[in-house]
Amino acid sequence: MPLPEEDKSLEELKSDLRRMDPRAFVMHRIFDAVPLLFTEPQKWTEWKIRLADQLEVDAHSVVVIGSGCVGYSLNPGKAFKAYDKESDVDVAVVSGYHFEVAWRFLRNVKTQLYSLPRPAQNSIKQHRDEFVFLGTIATDKILPYIDPFGPSWVKSLAAIGKDPPVSGRTLNIRLYRDSYSLVGYHVSGVKKVQGQLLST
C-alpha cells in the first residue's frame, strides 16, 4: 500500500538525514531550497526582496528556516512536527550590523531587565547563556525593545505577515552575525537530529 503524500515526504526527509553529511543536508534542504511555503522560485525571490527592503538588509541574507522551509520541524524536541496552519514562519537574517546592535542591547540592559515583560527577561537570560555564543539572536521576544531598528522591524513584519504566503501567521526573525554562524548553528542542530534517528 503506497504511503500518503505527507508520510512519503517525511520518509524522504529522514532518508536524507540518515545518508547525507550535515553540511550537505543544510545546504541542499534549507539554504539552496525554495521553501515549502512558496509555490515557485520566482515568488520566493520576490518575497525575500520585499522583506529585505523593509528590514534594510541584503536579500541574499534572508532565508526561511524551520518547518516553513523543509515541511517538518528539525527541532529535536518536536519529533518532526509537520508544518501546518498554526505554524510560525521562521526567517534567518544574516547582518553583522543588526547583530552587533542587538548584542549591545543584550549586554547593556542590566537593571532595566526587570522592567521588561517576563518572556523578554527569560529570552535575554537564555541569550546570555547560549545563543549569543553561537552567533545568533532569536528576536521573537525582544525585538520591540532593540533600538534603533527593533520597533520598525516589528511594523514591517506585521505588514508583510498579513499577505500571502504568511497570511496571518507569526513571522519570527533570527539574527545571525555572519554566514559562518548561520551554517554552523543549523549543522549543529542537524547533527542532533541525526543522532536521534540513528539511535532509534
Protein backbone atom coordinates (compact mmCIF):
# COMPACT_ATOMS: atom_id res chain seq x y z
CA MET A 1 0.00 0.00 0.00
CA PRO A 2 1.57 3.35 -1.01
CA LEU A 3 2.32 5.87 1.73
CA PRO A 4 0.19 9.04 1.95
CA GLU A 5 2.00 12.05 0.44
CA GLU A 6 2.81 13.55 3.87
CA ASP A 7 4.27 10.27 5.15
CA LYS A 8 6.27 9.87 1.95
CA SER A 9 7.81 13.34 2.21
CA LEU A 10 8.71 12.75 5.86
CA GLU A 11 10.37 9.45 5.00
CA GLU A 12 12.33 11.19 2.24
CA LEU A 13 13.46 13.84 4.73
CA LYS A 14 14.55 11.19 7.23
CA SER A 15 16.34 9.29 4.48
CA ASP A 16 18.30 12.43 3.57
CA LEU A 17 19.16 12.97 7.23
CA ARG A 18 20.44 9.41 7.57
CA ARG A 19 22.60 9.41 4.44
CA MET A 20 23.81 12.99 3.98
CA ASP A 21 26.67 14.85 5.58
CA PRO A 22 25.15 17.53 7.90
CA ARG A 23 26.61 20.42 5.88
CA ALA A 24 25.34 18.94 2.63
CA PHE A 25 21.89 18.45 4.19
CA VAL A 26 21.53 22.06 5.37
CA MET A 27 22.77 23.41 2.04
CA HIS A 28 20.52 21.17 -0.06
CA ARG A 29 17.40 21.18 2.11
CA ILE A 30 17.50 24.71 3.60
CA PHE A 31 19.87 27.28 2.10
CA ASP A 32 19.63 26.28 -1.57
CA ALA A 33 15.97 25.23 -1.46
CA VAL A 34 12.75 27.02 -2.35
CA PRO A 35 10.86 26.93 0.96
CA LEU A 36 7.73 24.78 1.21
CA LEU A 37 5.85 28.00 1.95
CA PHE A 38 6.26 29.11 -1.67
CA THR A 39 4.80 27.54 -4.80
CA GLU A 40 7.58 28.60 -7.16
CA PRO A 41 11.10 30.10 -7.10
CA GLN A 42 10.05 33.47 -8.54
CA LYS A 43 7.55 34.11 -5.74
CA TRP A 44 10.18 33.18 -3.13
CA THR A 45 12.69 35.60 -4.69
CA GLU A 46 10.14 38.42 -4.90
CA TRP A 47 9.08 37.91 -1.27
CA LYS A 48 12.58 37.91 0.18
CA ILE A 49 13.48 41.03 -1.81
CA ARG A 50 10.41 42.74 -0.35
CA LEU A 51 11.25 41.62 3.19
CA ALA A 52 14.92 42.58 2.80
CA ASP A 53 13.95 46.05 1.60
CA GLN A 54 11.70 46.53 4.62
CA LEU A 55 14.43 45.39 7.04
CA GLU A 56 17.19 47.24 5.16
CA VAL A 57 19.32 44.14 4.64
CA ASP A 58 20.60 42.33 1.55
CA ALA A 59 18.05 39.92 0.05
CA HIS A 60 20.78 37.29 -0.24
CA SER A 61 20.98 37.28 3.58
CA VAL A 62 17.31 36.25 4.01
CA VAL A 63 16.49 32.53 4.43
CA VAL A 64 13.29 30.79 5.54
CA ILE A 65 14.25 28.13 8.07
CA GLY A 66 12.39 25.54 10.14
CA SER A 67 9.25 23.70 9.09
CA GLY A 68 8.21 26.52 6.74
CA CYS A 69 11.21 25.53 4.65
CA VAL A 70 11.53 21.74 4.86
CA GLY A 71 7.94 20.85 5.83
CA TYR A 72 8.77 19.40 9.26
CA SER A 73 10.39 20.73 12.39
CA LEU A 74 14.05 19.79 12.81
CA ASN A 75 13.94 20.80 16.46
CA PRO A 76 14.95 17.63 18.34
CA GLY A 77 12.19 18.23 20.89
CA LYS A 78 9.36 18.49 18.35
CA ALA A 79 9.53 14.99 16.81
CA PHE A 80 9.30 16.12 13.16
CA LYS A 81 6.09 18.08 13.70
CA ALA A 82 4.57 18.84 10.29
CA TYR A 83 4.21 22.42 9.08
CA ASP A 84 0.53 23.34 9.43
CA LYS A 85 -1.83 26.32 9.61
CA GLU A 86 -0.77 27.03 13.21
CA SER A 87 2.97 27.03 12.47
CA ASP A 88 5.06 30.19 12.72
CA VAL A 89 7.26 31.30 9.83
CA ASP A 90 10.89 31.48 10.94
CA VAL A 91 13.30 33.59 8.91
CA ALA A 92 17.07 33.82 9.31
CA VAL A 93 18.68 37.18 8.59
CA VAL A 94 22.46 37.48 8.34
CA SER A 95 23.53 41.00 9.29
CA GLY A 96 26.65 41.85 11.23
CA TYR A 97 25.37 45.37 11.85
CA HIS A 98 21.99 44.34 13.29
CA PHE A 99 23.57 41.52 15.28
CA GLU A 100 26.03 43.99 16.85
CA VAL A 101 23.24 46.42 17.77
CA ALA A 102 21.15 43.62 19.31
CA TRP A 103 24.19 42.21 21.14
CA ARG A 104 24.89 45.63 22.66
CA PHE A 105 21.27 45.79 23.80
CA LEU A 106 21.57 42.38 25.48
CA ARG A 107 24.85 43.38 27.10
CA ASN A 108 23.69 46.79 28.34
CA VAL A 109 20.14 46.07 29.51
CA LYS A 110 21.34 45.40 33.11
CA THR A 111 18.94 46.87 35.69
CA GLN A 112 16.34 47.69 33.02
CA LEU A 113 15.92 43.94 32.51
CA TYR A 114 13.32 43.66 35.25
CA SER A 115 11.14 46.39 33.78
CA LEU A 116 10.57 44.22 30.70
CA PRO A 117 7.81 41.58 30.39
CA ARG A 118 8.76 38.17 31.83
CA PRO A 119 9.06 36.44 28.40
CA ALA A 120 11.56 39.12 27.31
CA GLN A 121 13.52 38.72 30.57
CA ASN A 122 13.73 34.96 30.09
CA SER A 123 14.78 35.35 26.46
CA ILE A 124 17.59 37.75 27.38
CA LYS A 125 18.88 35.39 30.07
CA GLN A 126 18.82 32.50 27.58
CA HIS A 127 20.77 34.57 25.06
CA ARG A 128 23.45 35.36 27.62
CA ASP A 129 23.85 31.68 28.44
CA GLU A 130 23.56 30.15 24.98
CA PHE A 131 22.57 31.90 21.75
CA VAL A 132 25.00 34.84 21.55
CA PHE A 133 27.97 32.49 21.95
CA LEU A 134 26.75 30.72 18.78
CA GLY A 135 26.44 33.97 16.82
CA THR A 136 22.64 34.03 16.80
CA ILE A 137 19.90 36.15 18.38
CA ALA A 138 16.29 34.95 18.42
CA THR A 139 14.34 38.21 18.29
CA ASP A 140 10.79 36.94 18.81
CA LYS A 141 10.52 38.03 22.48
CA ILE A 142 12.87 41.03 22.46
CA LEU A 143 12.56 42.73 19.06
CA PRO A 144 10.32 45.65 20.19
CA TYR A 145 12.98 46.70 22.74
CA ILE A 146 16.03 46.73 20.46
CA ASP A 147 16.78 50.34 19.45
CA PRO A 148 17.06 51.73 16.89
CA PHE A 149 15.79 49.08 14.44
CA GLY A 150 13.51 46.86 16.54
CA PRO A 151 10.28 48.92 16.51
CA SER A 152 10.47 49.50 12.75
CA TRP A 153 11.11 45.79 12.14
CA VAL A 154 8.04 44.93 14.23
CA LYS A 155 5.89 47.16 11.98
CA SER A 156 7.41 45.72 8.80
CA LEU A 157 6.90 42.13 9.92
CA ALA A 158 3.28 42.85 10.88
CA ALA A 159 2.59 44.36 7.45
CA ILE A 160 4.28 41.61 5.44
CA GLY A 161 2.75 38.96 7.68
CA LYS A 162 -0.77 39.93 6.58
CA ASP A 163 -0.11 38.96 2.97
CA PRO A 164 0.34 35.54 1.32
CA PRO A 165 2.07 33.26 1.84
CA VAL A 166 2.41 34.19 5.53
CA SER A 167 -1.27 35.21 5.74
CA GLY A 168 -1.58 35.98 9.44
CA ARG A 169 0.97 33.51 10.81
CA THR A 170 3.56 34.81 13.27
CA LEU A 171 6.70 35.87 11.41
CA ASN A 172 9.83 35.45 13.54
CA ILE A 173 13.33 36.70 12.77
CA ARG A 174 16.51 35.03 13.97
CA LEU A 175 19.58 37.22 13.53
CA TYR A 176 22.97 35.75 12.68
CA ARG A 177 26.31 37.50 12.99
CA ASP A 178 27.61 36.05 9.71
CA SER A 179 27.06 33.17 7.29
CA TYR A 180 29.52 31.01 9.24
CA SER A 181 27.28 31.32 12.32
CA LEU A 182 24.15 30.62 10.25
CA VAL A 183 25.51 27.43 8.72
CA GLY A 184 27.22 26.30 11.93
CA TYR A 185 24.05 26.69 14.02
CA HIS A 186 21.98 24.61 11.60
CA VAL A 187 24.67 21.97 11.10
CA SER A 188 24.80 21.53 14.87
CA GLY A 189 21.02 21.08 15.01
CA VAL A 190 21.05 18.56 12.16
CA LYS A 191 23.76 16.54 13.93
CA LYS A 192 21.49 16.26 16.98
CA VAL A 193 18.55 15.09 14.86
CA GLN A 194 20.78 12.59 13.05
CA GLY A 195 21.96 11.25 16.39
CA GLN A 196 18.37 10.67 17.45
CA LEU A 197 17.47 8.96 14.18
CA LEU A 198 20.47 6.65 14.27
CA SER A 199 19.80 5.67 17.87
CA THR A 200 16.22 4.53 17.19
